[in-house]
PDB file of N, CA and C in Angstrom:
ATOM      1  N   MET A   1     186.733 127.576 153.971  1.00  0.00           N
ATOM      2  CA  MET A   1     187.267 128.516 152.997  1.00  0.00           C
ATOM      3  C   MET A   1     188.616 128.001 152.489  1.00  0.00           C
ATOM      4  N   THR A   2     188.794 128.026 151.185  1.00  0.00           N
ATOM      5  CA  THR A   2     190.048 127.553 150.598  1.00  0.00           C
ATOM      6  C   THR A   2     190.980 128.733 150.376  1.00  0.00           C
ATOM      7  N   PRO A   3     192.286 128.503 150.477  1.00  0.00           N
ATOM      8  CA  PRO A   3     193.228 129.604 150.230  1.00  0.00           C
ATOM      9  C   PRO A   3     193.121 130.092 148.794  1.00  0.00           C
ATOM     10  N   LYS A   4     193.373 131.383 148.618  1.00  0.00           N
ATOM     11  CA  LYS A   4     193.329 131.969 147.277  1.00  0.00           C
ATOM     12  C   LYS A   4     194.412 131.325 146.415  1.00  0.00           C
ATOM     13  N   GLN A   5     194.013 130.833 145.272  1.00  0.00           N
ATOM     14  CA  GLN A   5     194.963 130.205 144.371  1.00  0.00           C
ATOM     15  C   GLN A   5     195.366 131.191 143.288  1.00  0.00           C
ATOM     16  N   HIS A   6     196.631 131.138 142.936  1.00  0.00           N
ATOM     17  CA  HIS A   6     197.150 131.984 141.869  1.00  0.00           C
ATOM     18  C   HIS A   6     197.287 131.137 140.614  1.00  0.00           C
ATOM     19  N   PRO A   7     196.975 131.718 139.459  1.00  0.00           N
ATOM     20  CA  PRO A   7     197.129 130.938 138.225  1.00  0.00           C
ATOM     21  C   PRO A   7     198.591 130.544 138.017  1.00  0.00           C
ATOM     22  N   SER A   8     198.805 129.361 137.519  1.00  0.00           N
ATOM     23  CA  SER A   8     200.177 128.913 137.277  1.00  0.00           C
ATOM     24  C   SER A   8     200.819 129.666 136.114  1.00  0.00           C
ATOM     25  N   LEU A   9     199.998 130.218 135.223  1.00  0.00           N
ATOM     26  CA  LEU A   9     200.496 131.004 134.082  1.00  0.00           C
ATOM     27  C   LEU A   9     199.803 132.372 134.088  1.00  0.00           C
ATOM     28  N   PRO A  10     200.238 133.279 134.981  1.00  0.00           N
ATOM     29  CA  PRO A  10     199.560 134.578 135.088  1.00  0.00           C
ATOM     30  C   PRO A  10     199.755 135.442 133.840  1.00  0.00           C
ATOM     31  N   ALA A  11     198.726 136.208 133.512  1.00  0.00           N
ATOM     32  CA  ALA A  11     198.750 137.063 132.319  1.00  0.00           C
ATOM     33  C   ALA A  11     199.883 138.083 132.356  1.00  0.00           C
ATOM     34  N   LYS A  12     200.273 138.556 133.553  1.00  0.00           N
ATOM     35  CA  LYS A  12     201.329 139.568 133.615  1.00  0.00           C
ATOM     36  C   LYS A  12     202.694 139.008 133.190  1.00  0.00           C
ATOM     37  N   ARG A  13     202.767 137.696 132.985  1.00  0.00           N
ATOM     38  CA  ARG A  13     204.010 137.076 132.523  1.00  0.00           C
ATOM     39  C   ARG A  13     203.846 136.492 131.121  1.00  0.00           C
ATOM     40  N   ALA A  14     202.840 136.976 130.380  1.00  0.00           N
ATOM     41  CA  ALA A  14     202.540 136.433 129.052  1.00  0.00           C
ATOM     42  C   ALA A  14     203.067 137.353 127.946  1.00  0.00           C
ATOM     43  N   PHE A  15     203.603 136.737 126.917  1.00  0.00           N
ATOM     44  CA  PHE A  15     204.157 137.441 125.762  1.00  0.00           C
ATOM     45  C   PHE A  15     203.661 136.766 124.489  1.00  0.00           C
ATOM     46  N   VAL A  16     203.584 137.554 123.423  1.00  0.00           N
ATOM     47  CA  VAL A  16     203.351 137.004 122.089  1.00  0.00           C
ATOM     48  C   VAL A  16     204.644 137.211 121.317  1.00  0.00           C
ATOM     49  N   VAL A  17     205.138 136.135 120.726  1.00  0.00           N
ATOM     50  CA  VAL A  17     206.368 136.201 119.924  1.00  0.00           C
ATOM     51  C   VAL A  17     206.008 135.816 118.497  1.00  0.00           C
ATOM     52  N   GLN A  18     206.298 136.724 117.575  1.00  0.00           N
ATOM     53  CA  GLN A  18     206.099 136.456 116.152  1.00  0.00           C
ATOM     54  C   GLN A  18     207.471 136.369 115.508  1.00  0.00           C
ATOM     55  N   VAL A  19     207.745 135.259 114.864  1.00  0.00           N
ATOM     56  CA  VAL A  19     209.023 135.054 114.186  1.00  0.00           C
ATOM     57  C   VAL A  19     208.790 135.246 112.692  1.00  0.00           C
ATOM     58  N   GLN A  20     209.650 136.046 112.069  1.00  0.00           N
ATOM     59  CA  GLN A  20     209.524 136.298 110.634  1.00  0.00           C
ATOM     60  C   GLN A  20     209.523 134.988 109.861  1.00  0.00           C
ATOM     61  N   ALA A  21     208.733 134.945 108.809  1.00  0.00           N
ATOM     62  CA  ALA A  21     208.601 133.736 108.006  1.00  0.00           C
ATOM     63  C   ALA A  21     209.924 133.302 107.384  1.00  0.00           C
ATOM     64  N   ASP A  22     210.774 134.252 107.040  1.00  0.00           N
ATOM     65  CA  ASP A  22     212.038 133.910 106.384  1.00  0.00           C
ATOM     66  C   ASP A  22     213.211 133.776 107.360  1.00  0.00           C
ATOM     67  N   ALA A  23     212.954 133.807 108.665  1.00  0.00           N
ATOM     68  CA  ALA A  23     214.026 133.650 109.651  1.00  0.00           C
ATOM     69  C   ALA A  23     214.504 132.198 109.660  1.00  0.00           C
ATOM     70  N   ALA A  24     215.795 132.011 109.528  1.00  0.00           N
ATOM     71  CA  ALA A  24     216.388 130.667 109.523  1.00  0.00           C
ATOM     72  C   ALA A  24     216.734 130.275 110.961  1.00  0.00           C
ATOM     73  N   VAL A  25     215.702 129.954 111.721  1.00  0.00           N
ATOM     74  CA  VAL A  25     215.854 129.657 113.144  1.00  0.00           C
ATOM     75  C   VAL A  25     216.803 128.478 113.359  1.00  0.00           C
ATOM     76  N   GLY A  26     216.762 127.493 112.484  1.00  0.00           N
ATOM     77  CA  GLY A  26     217.649 126.337 112.589  1.00  0.00           C
ATOM     78  C   GLY A  26     219.124 126.702 112.500  1.00  0.00           C
ATOM     79  N   GLN A  27     219.401 127.843 111.877  1.00  0.00           N
ATOM     80  CA  GLN A  27     220.777 128.328 111.786  1.00  0.00           C
ATOM     81  C   GLN A  27     221.047 129.458 112.767  1.00  0.00           C
ATOM     82  N   GLY A  28     220.145 129.624 113.736  1.00  0.00           N
ATOM     83  CA  GLY A  28     220.348 130.639 114.773  1.00  0.00           C
ATOM     84  C   GLY A  28     219.974 132.045 114.366  1.00  0.00           C
ATOM     85  N   GLN A  29     219.229 132.206 113.286  1.00  0.00           N
ATOM     86  CA  GLN A  29     218.805 133.533 112.840  1.00  0.00           C
ATOM     87  C   GLN A  29     217.390 133.799 113.346  1.00  0.00           C
ATOM     88  N   TRP A  30     217.287 134.642 114.349  1.00  0.00           N
ATOM     89  CA  TRP A  30     216.001 134.974 114.955  1.00  0.00           C
ATOM     90  C   TRP A  30     215.670 136.420 114.645  1.00  0.00           C
ATOM     91  N   GLN A  31     214.579 136.638 113.930  1.00  0.00           N
ATOM     92  CA  GLN A  31     214.075 137.983 113.673  1.00  0.00           C
ATOM     93  C   GLN A  31     212.566 137.956 113.862  1.00  0.00           C
ATOM     94  N   GLY A  32     212.039 139.045 114.423  1.00  0.00           N
ATOM     95  CA  GLY A  32     210.597 139.113 114.589  1.00  0.00           C
ATOM     96  C   GLY A  32     210.187 140.209 115.542  1.00  0.00           C
ATOM     97  N   ARG A  33     209.088 139.961 116.231  1.00  0.00           N
ATOM     98  CA  ARG A  33     208.489 140.951 117.124  1.00  0.00           C
ATOM     99  C   ARG A  33     208.006 140.230 118.360  1.00  0.00           C
ATOM    100  N   VAL A  34     208.136 140.891 119.522  1.00  0.00           N
ATOM    101  CA  VAL A  34     207.625 140.347 120.775  1.00  0.00           C
ATOM    102  C   VAL A  34     206.829 141.445 121.473  1.00  0.00           C
ATOM    103  N   GLU A  35     205.699 141.063 122.063  1.00  0.00           N
ATOM    104  CA  GLU A  35     204.849 142.015 122.780  1.00  0.00           C
ATOM    105  C   GLU A  35     204.446 141.429 124.122  1.00  0.00           C
ATOM    106  N   HIS A  36     204.555 142.264 125.164  1.00  0.00           N
ATOM    107  CA  HIS A  36     204.091 141.888 126.504  1.00  0.00           C
ATOM    108  C   HIS A  36     202.593 142.157 126.546  1.00  0.00           C
ATOM    109  N   LEU A  37     201.802 141.157 126.886  1.00  0.00           N
ATOM    110  CA  LEU A  37     200.349 141.278 126.765  1.00  0.00           C
ATOM    111  C   LEU A  37     199.713 142.240 127.749  1.00  0.00           C
ATOM    112  N   VAL A  38     200.282 142.433 128.917  1.00  0.00           N
ATOM    113  CA  VAL A  38     199.667 143.316 129.911  1.00  0.00           C
ATOM    114  C   VAL A  38     200.033 144.777 129.669  1.00  0.00           C
ATOM    115  N   SER A  39     201.314 145.054 129.407  1.00  0.00           N
ATOM    116  CA  SER A  39     201.757 146.443 129.242  1.00  0.00           C
ATOM    117  C   SER A  39     201.694 146.925 127.796  1.00  0.00           C
ATOM    118  N   TYR A  40     201.549 146.013 126.856  1.00  0.00           N
ATOM    119  CA  TYR A  40     201.559 146.309 125.419  1.00  0.00           C
ATOM    120  C   TYR A  40     202.918 146.801 124.929  1.00  0.00           C
ATOM    121  N   ARG A  41     203.946 146.696 125.753  1.00  0.00           N
ATOM    122  CA  ARG A  41     205.296 147.041 125.291  1.00  0.00           C
ATOM    123  C   ARG A  41     205.711 146.031 124.233  1.00  0.00           C
ATOM    124  N   ALA A  42     206.374 146.519 123.199  1.00  0.00           N
ATOM    125  CA  ALA A  42     206.773 145.629 122.109  1.00  0.00           C
ATOM    126  C   ALA A  42     208.072 146.117 121.498  1.00  0.00           C
ATOM    127  N   ILE A  43     208.829 145.172 120.963  1.00  0.00           N
ATOM    128  CA  ILE A  43     210.046 145.500 120.221  1.00  0.00           C
ATOM    129  C   ILE A  43     210.156 144.560 119.032  1.00  0.00           C
ATOM    130  N   ARG A  44     210.963 144.980 118.069  1.00  0.00           N
ATOM    131  CA  ARG A  44     211.400 144.082 117.008  1.00  0.00           C
ATOM    132  C   ARG A  44     212.755 143.560 117.461  1.00  0.00           C
ATOM    133  N   PHE A  45     213.020 142.286 117.244  1.00  0.00           N
ATOM    134  CA  PHE A  45     214.295 141.709 117.639  1.00  0.00           C
ATOM    135  C   PHE A  45     214.981 141.101 116.425  1.00  0.00           C
ATOM    136  N   GLU A  46     216.312 141.089 116.492  1.00  0.00           N
ATOM    137  CA  GLU A  46     217.143 140.555 115.410  1.00  0.00           C
ATOM    138  C   GLU A  46     217.978 139.372 115.875  1.00  0.00           C
ATOM    139  N   SER A  47     217.818 138.985 117.145  1.00  0.00           N
ATOM    140  CA  SER A  47     218.582 137.854 117.669  1.00  0.00           C
ATOM    141  C   SER A  47     217.832 137.259 118.863  1.00  0.00           C
ATOM    142  N   LEU A  48     218.179 136.038 119.190  1.00  0.00           N
ATOM    143  CA  LEU A  48     217.603 135.388 120.356  1.00  0.00           C
ATOM    144  C   LEU A  48     217.979 136.157 121.622  1.00  0.00           C
ATOM    145  N   GLU A  49     219.175 136.718 121.656  1.00  0.00           N
ATOM    146  CA  GLU A  49     219.619 137.500 122.809  1.00  0.00           C
ATOM    147  C   GLU A  49     218.746 138.732 123.014  1.00  0.00           C
ATOM    148  N   GLU A  50     218.386 139.423 121.923  1.00  0.00           N
ATOM    149  CA  GLU A  50     217.496 140.591 122.040  1.00  0.00           C
ATOM    150  C   GLU A  50     216.114 140.179 122.531  1.00  0.00           C
ATOM    151  N   LEU A  51     215.599 139.072 122.016  1.00  0.00           N
ATOM    152  CA  LEU A  51     214.296 138.571 122.447  1.00  0.00           C
ATOM    153  C   LEU A  51     214.308 138.269 123.941  1.00  0.00           C
ATOM    154  N   LEU A  52     215.280 137.480 124.372  1.00  0.00           N
ATOM    155  CA  LEU A  52     215.354 137.111 125.783  1.00  0.00           C
ATOM    156  C   LEU A  52     215.660 138.312 126.665  1.00  0.00           C
ATOM    157  N   GLY A  53     216.478 139.235 126.189  1.00  0.00           N
ATOM    158  CA  GLY A  53     216.779 140.443 126.951  1.00  0.00           C
ATOM    159  C   GLY A  53     215.537 141.265 127.231  1.00  0.00           C
ATOM    160  N   PHE A  54     214.671 141.389 126.230  1.00  0.00           N
ATOM    161  CA  PHE A  54     213.412 142.125 126.415  1.00  0.00           C
ATOM    162  C   PHE A  54     212.541 141.439 127.454  1.00  0.00           C
ATOM    163  N   ILE A  55     212.406 140.135 127.352  1.00  0.00           N
ATOM    164  CA  ILE A  55     211.573 139.392 128.302  1.00  0.00           C
ATOM    165  C   ILE A  55     212.111 139.549 129.722  1.00  0.00           C
ATOM    166  N   VAL A  56     213.419 139.417 129.889  1.00  0.00           N
ATOM    167  CA  VAL A  56     214.029 139.584 131.216  1.00  0.00           C
ATOM    168  C   VAL A  56     213.788 140.997 131.737  1.00  0.00           C
ATOM    169  N   GLU A  57     213.958 141.997 130.894  1.00  0.00           N
ATOM    170  CA  GLU A  57     213.743 143.389 131.290  1.00  0.00           C
ATOM    171  C   GLU A  57     212.321 143.600 131.805  1.00  0.00           C
ATOM    172  N   VAL A  58     211.351 143.118 131.063  1.00  0.00           N
ATOM    173  CA  VAL A  58     209.955 143.297 131.458  1.00  0.00           C
ATOM    174  C   VAL A  58     209.649 142.558 132.767  1.00  0.00           C
ATOM    175  N   LEU A  59     210.126 141.329 132.879  1.00  0.00           N
ATOM    176  CA  LEU A  59     209.795 140.521 134.052  1.00  0.00           C
ATOM    177  C   LEU A  59     210.527 140.940 135.317  1.00  0.00           C
ATOM    178  N   THR A  60     211.589 141.709 135.188  1.00  0.00           N
ATOM    179  CA  THR A  60     212.326 142.138 136.380  1.00  0.00           C
ATOM    180  C   THR A  60     212.025 143.567 136.781  1.00  0.00           C
ATOM    181  N   GLU A  61     211.123 144.246 136.082  1.00  0.00           N
ATOM    182  CA  GLU A  61     210.703 145.591 136.486  1.00  0.00           C
ATOM    183  C   GLU A  61     209.950 145.496 137.806  1.00  0.00           C
ATOM    184  N   PRO A  62     210.081 146.505 138.686  1.00  0.00           N
ATOM    185  CA  PRO A  62     209.442 146.442 140.005  1.00  0.00           C
ATOM    186  C   PRO A  62     207.932 146.142 139.973  1.00  0.00           C
ATOM    187  N   GLU A  63     207.189 146.741 139.053  1.00  0.00           N
ATOM    188  CA  GLU A  63     205.739 146.491 139.007  1.00  0.00           C
ATOM    189  C   GLU A  63     205.416 145.074 138.574  1.00  0.00           C
ATOM    190  N   ALA A  64     206.338 144.385 137.906  1.00  0.00           N
ATOM    191  CA  ALA A  64     206.108 143.003 137.498  1.00  0.00           C
ATOM    192  C   ALA A  64     206.257 142.047 138.675  1.00  0.00           C
ATOM    193  N   GLN A  65     206.862 142.526 139.768  1.00  0.00           N
ATOM    194  CA  GLN A  65     207.106 141.674 140.923  1.00  0.00           C
ATOM    195  C   GLN A  65     205.879 141.537 141.818  1.00  0.00           C
ATOM    196  N   GLU A  66     204.860 142.356 141.627  1.00  0.00           N
ATOM    197  CA  GLU A  66     203.679 142.333 142.492  1.00  0.00           C
ATOM    198  C   GLU A  66     202.977 141.011 142.496  1.00  0.00           C
TER     199      GLU A  66
END
């Protein structure tokens, strides 16, 4: 019997990030939408900090630690 293997990229840590077509990412302008695939939680973001803050918030919730 082999030990149970866990996927290296589990779905509970997956997000979809949509960046607005007119966002000037090269100049640090990040606007768009991010959605957590398991919980369906989503926000619109206006900066890279907001995007990363949402991801950190979702991944550090107690149920995400399971």
